[in-house]
Amino acid sequence: MIAGVVVVDASIVVEYLARLPRAAAARRVFDAVADGTAEAWSPDLVYCEVLSALGKLLRARTIDAPTADRACKWLAQLPITTPGMRDLVADVWALRRNITPYDGAYVALAGRLHAVLITGDERLGRSAQRIVRTITLAELGT
């Protein structure tokens, strides 16, 4: 069950917005936010990461232009609280040995908020579970 404060990474947002194969699992996160069971947070870099991923999917023809355009429009409307990175810099740097700065931003925010990190990235899920509680899309099911 998804409840309380959760940190969602870009992979969750991309799956949901682009309606990729694991979109049903990602939708469970946003359904919990919509019904008030959960509160979603992400560092503000989520916007650039999602746009980058959508561009890659479009260039690879995994999604079509209307899907990418719709996803970009919906991205700005998602109910996600997105604090800036400035206050996370030291925490992200401390994670540098095992986690990239991009992934570290989500882990650091989850740590600061005492929140669960929800990710579609199995590697990140394994790395982060030593630091914060994690849930992967695989655990949420399809």
Protein backbone atom coordinates (compact mmCIF):
# COMPACT_ATOMS: atom_id res chain seq x y z
CA MET A 1 0.00 0.00 0.00
CA ILE A 2 1.20 3.47 -0.84
CA ALA A 3 0.59 5.93 1.96
CA GLY A 4 2.15 8.96 3.60
CA VAL A 5 4.95 11.00 2.14
CA VAL A 6 6.64 9.34 -0.84
CA VAL A 7 9.45 10.46 -3.09
CA VAL A 8 8.92 9.48 -6.72
CA ASP A 9 11.79 9.43 -9.17
CA ALA A 10 11.66 10.34 -12.84
CA SER A 11 11.18 6.72 -13.93
CA ILE A 12 7.83 6.58 -12.13
CA VAL A 13 6.69 9.82 -13.73
CA VAL A 14 7.79 8.73 -17.23
CA GLU A 15 6.07 5.35 -16.96
CA TYR A 16 2.87 7.05 -15.86
CA LEU A 17 2.82 9.95 -18.31
CA ALA A 18 4.03 8.08 -21.39
CA ARG A 19 1.78 5.11 -20.64
CA LEU A 20 4.67 2.68 -20.86
CA PRO A 21 4.29 -1.03 -20.01
CA ARG A 22 4.57 -0.45 -16.26
CA ALA A 23 2.16 2.50 -16.26
CA ALA A 24 -0.47 0.61 -14.28
CA ALA A 25 1.94 0.18 -11.37
CA ALA A 26 3.04 3.83 -11.58
CA ARG A 27 -0.61 4.89 -11.68
CA ARG A 28 -1.12 3.34 -8.25
CA VAL A 29 1.22 5.97 -6.85
CA PHE A 30 -0.69 8.86 -8.39
CA ASP A 31 -4.06 7.32 -7.48
CA ALA A 32 -2.91 7.29 -3.85
CA VAL A 33 -1.94 10.95 -4.18
CA ALA A 34 -5.29 11.80 -5.79
CA ASP A 35 -7.29 10.14 -3.03
CA GLY A 36 -5.21 11.80 -0.32
CA THR A 37 -3.59 8.60 0.94
CA ALA A 38 -0.14 9.73 -0.18
CA GLU A 39 1.76 12.95 -0.78
CA ALA A 40 4.28 12.89 -3.66
CA TRP A 41 7.59 14.76 -3.59
CA SER A 42 10.54 14.93 -5.99
CA PRO A 43 13.55 17.21 -6.23
CA ASP A 44 12.96 19.82 -8.92
CA LEU A 45 15.41 18.12 -11.25
CA VAL A 46 12.60 15.64 -11.96
CA TYR A 47 11.27 17.96 -14.66
CA CYS A 48 14.50 17.95 -16.70
CA GLU A 49 14.97 14.22 -16.20
CA VAL A 50 11.44 13.46 -17.40
CA LEU A 51 11.76 15.76 -20.41
CA SER A 52 15.07 14.13 -21.32
CA ALA A 53 13.58 10.64 -21.04
CA LEU A 54 10.55 11.62 -23.12
CA GLY A 55 12.85 13.00 -25.82
CA LYS A 56 14.81 9.73 -25.89
CA LEU A 57 11.61 7.69 -26.11
CA LEU A 58 10.37 9.89 -28.95
CA ARG A 59 13.65 9.63 -30.89
CA ALA A 60 13.62 5.85 -30.42
CA ARG A 61 10.00 5.80 -31.65
CA THR A 62 8.88 4.09 -28.46
CA ILE A 63 6.27 6.82 -28.14
CA ASP A 64 4.78 9.08 -30.79
CA ALA A 65 4.77 12.89 -30.86
CA PRO A 66 1.20 13.32 -29.56
CA THR A 67 2.00 11.06 -26.60
CA ALA A 68 5.18 13.02 -25.85
CA ASP A 69 3.37 16.35 -26.18
CA ARG A 70 0.55 15.19 -23.88
CA ALA A 71 3.07 13.89 -21.34
CA CYS A 72 4.91 17.24 -21.33
CA LYS A 73 1.65 19.10 -20.78
CA TRP A 74 0.62 16.80 -17.93
CA LEU A 75 4.07 16.90 -16.33
CA ALA A 76 3.61 20.46 -15.12
CA GLN A 77 0.19 19.57 -13.69
CA LEU A 78 1.19 16.55 -11.62
CA PRO A 79 0.54 16.91 -7.88
CA ILE A 80 4.18 16.64 -6.85
CA THR A 81 5.89 18.96 -4.38
CA THR A 82 9.26 19.82 -5.92
CA PRO A 83 11.76 21.52 -3.62
CA GLY A 84 14.98 22.91 -5.05
CA MET A 85 18.31 21.13 -4.93
CA ARG A 86 20.29 23.68 -2.92
CA ASP A 87 19.48 22.21 0.48
CA LEU A 88 20.26 18.68 -0.72
CA VAL A 89 23.75 19.31 -2.11
CA ALA A 90 25.69 18.10 0.94
CA ASP A 91 23.52 15.00 1.32
CA VAL A 92 23.82 14.13 -2.37
CA TRP A 93 27.59 14.60 -2.24
CA ALA A 94 27.80 12.26 0.74
CA LEU A 95 26.21 9.51 -1.39
CA ARG A 96 28.70 9.89 -4.26
CA ARG A 97 30.54 6.59 -3.74
CA ASN A 98 27.53 4.43 -4.55
CA ILE A 99 24.87 6.62 -6.13
CA THR A 100 24.99 9.16 -8.97
CA PRO A 101 24.13 12.76 -8.11
CA TYR A 102 20.90 12.49 -10.11
CA ASP A 103 19.72 9.42 -8.24
CA GLY A 104 21.21 10.75 -5.04
CA ALA A 105 18.88 13.72 -5.14
CA TYR A 106 15.86 11.42 -4.78
CA VAL A 107 17.55 9.36 -2.06
CA ALA A 108 18.62 12.46 -0.15
CA LEU A 109 15.14 13.96 -0.33
CA ALA A 110 13.57 10.71 0.86
CA GLY A 111 16.02 10.69 3.75
CA ARG A 112 15.27 14.29 4.68
CA LEU A 113 11.53 13.65 4.61
CA HIS A 114 11.73 10.20 6.25
CA ALA A 115 9.79 9.10 3.20
CA VAL A 116 9.63 6.00 1.04
CA LEU A 117 11.46 6.25 -2.28
CA ILE A 118 9.45 4.81 -5.16
CA THR A 119 11.47 4.00 -8.27
CA GLY A 120 11.26 2.05 -11.49
CA ASP A 121 15.04 1.67 -11.49
CA GLU A 122 15.90 -1.69 -9.92
CA ARG A 123 19.57 -0.75 -9.55
CA LEU A 124 18.69 2.42 -7.69
CA GLY A 125 16.23 0.49 -5.56
CA ARG A 126 18.97 -1.93 -4.49
CA SER A 127 21.49 0.85 -3.80
CA ALA A 128 19.04 3.07 -1.95
CA GLN A 129 17.52 0.38 0.26
CA ARG A 130 20.57 0.58 2.53
CA ILE A 131 19.78 4.25 3.13
CA VAL A 132 16.00 4.72 2.86
CA ARG A 133 12.98 2.51 2.55
CA THR A 134 12.33 1.80 -1.14
CA ILE A 135 9.54 0.38 -3.26
CA THR A 136 10.15 -0.54 -6.89
CA LEU A 137 7.63 -0.79 -9.69
CA ALA A 138 8.28 -4.52 -9.72
CA GLU A 139 7.08 -4.66 -6.12
CA LEU A 140 3.97 -2.67 -7.00
CA GLY A 141 3.13 -5.15 -9.76
CA THR A 142 1.77 -4.48 -13.21
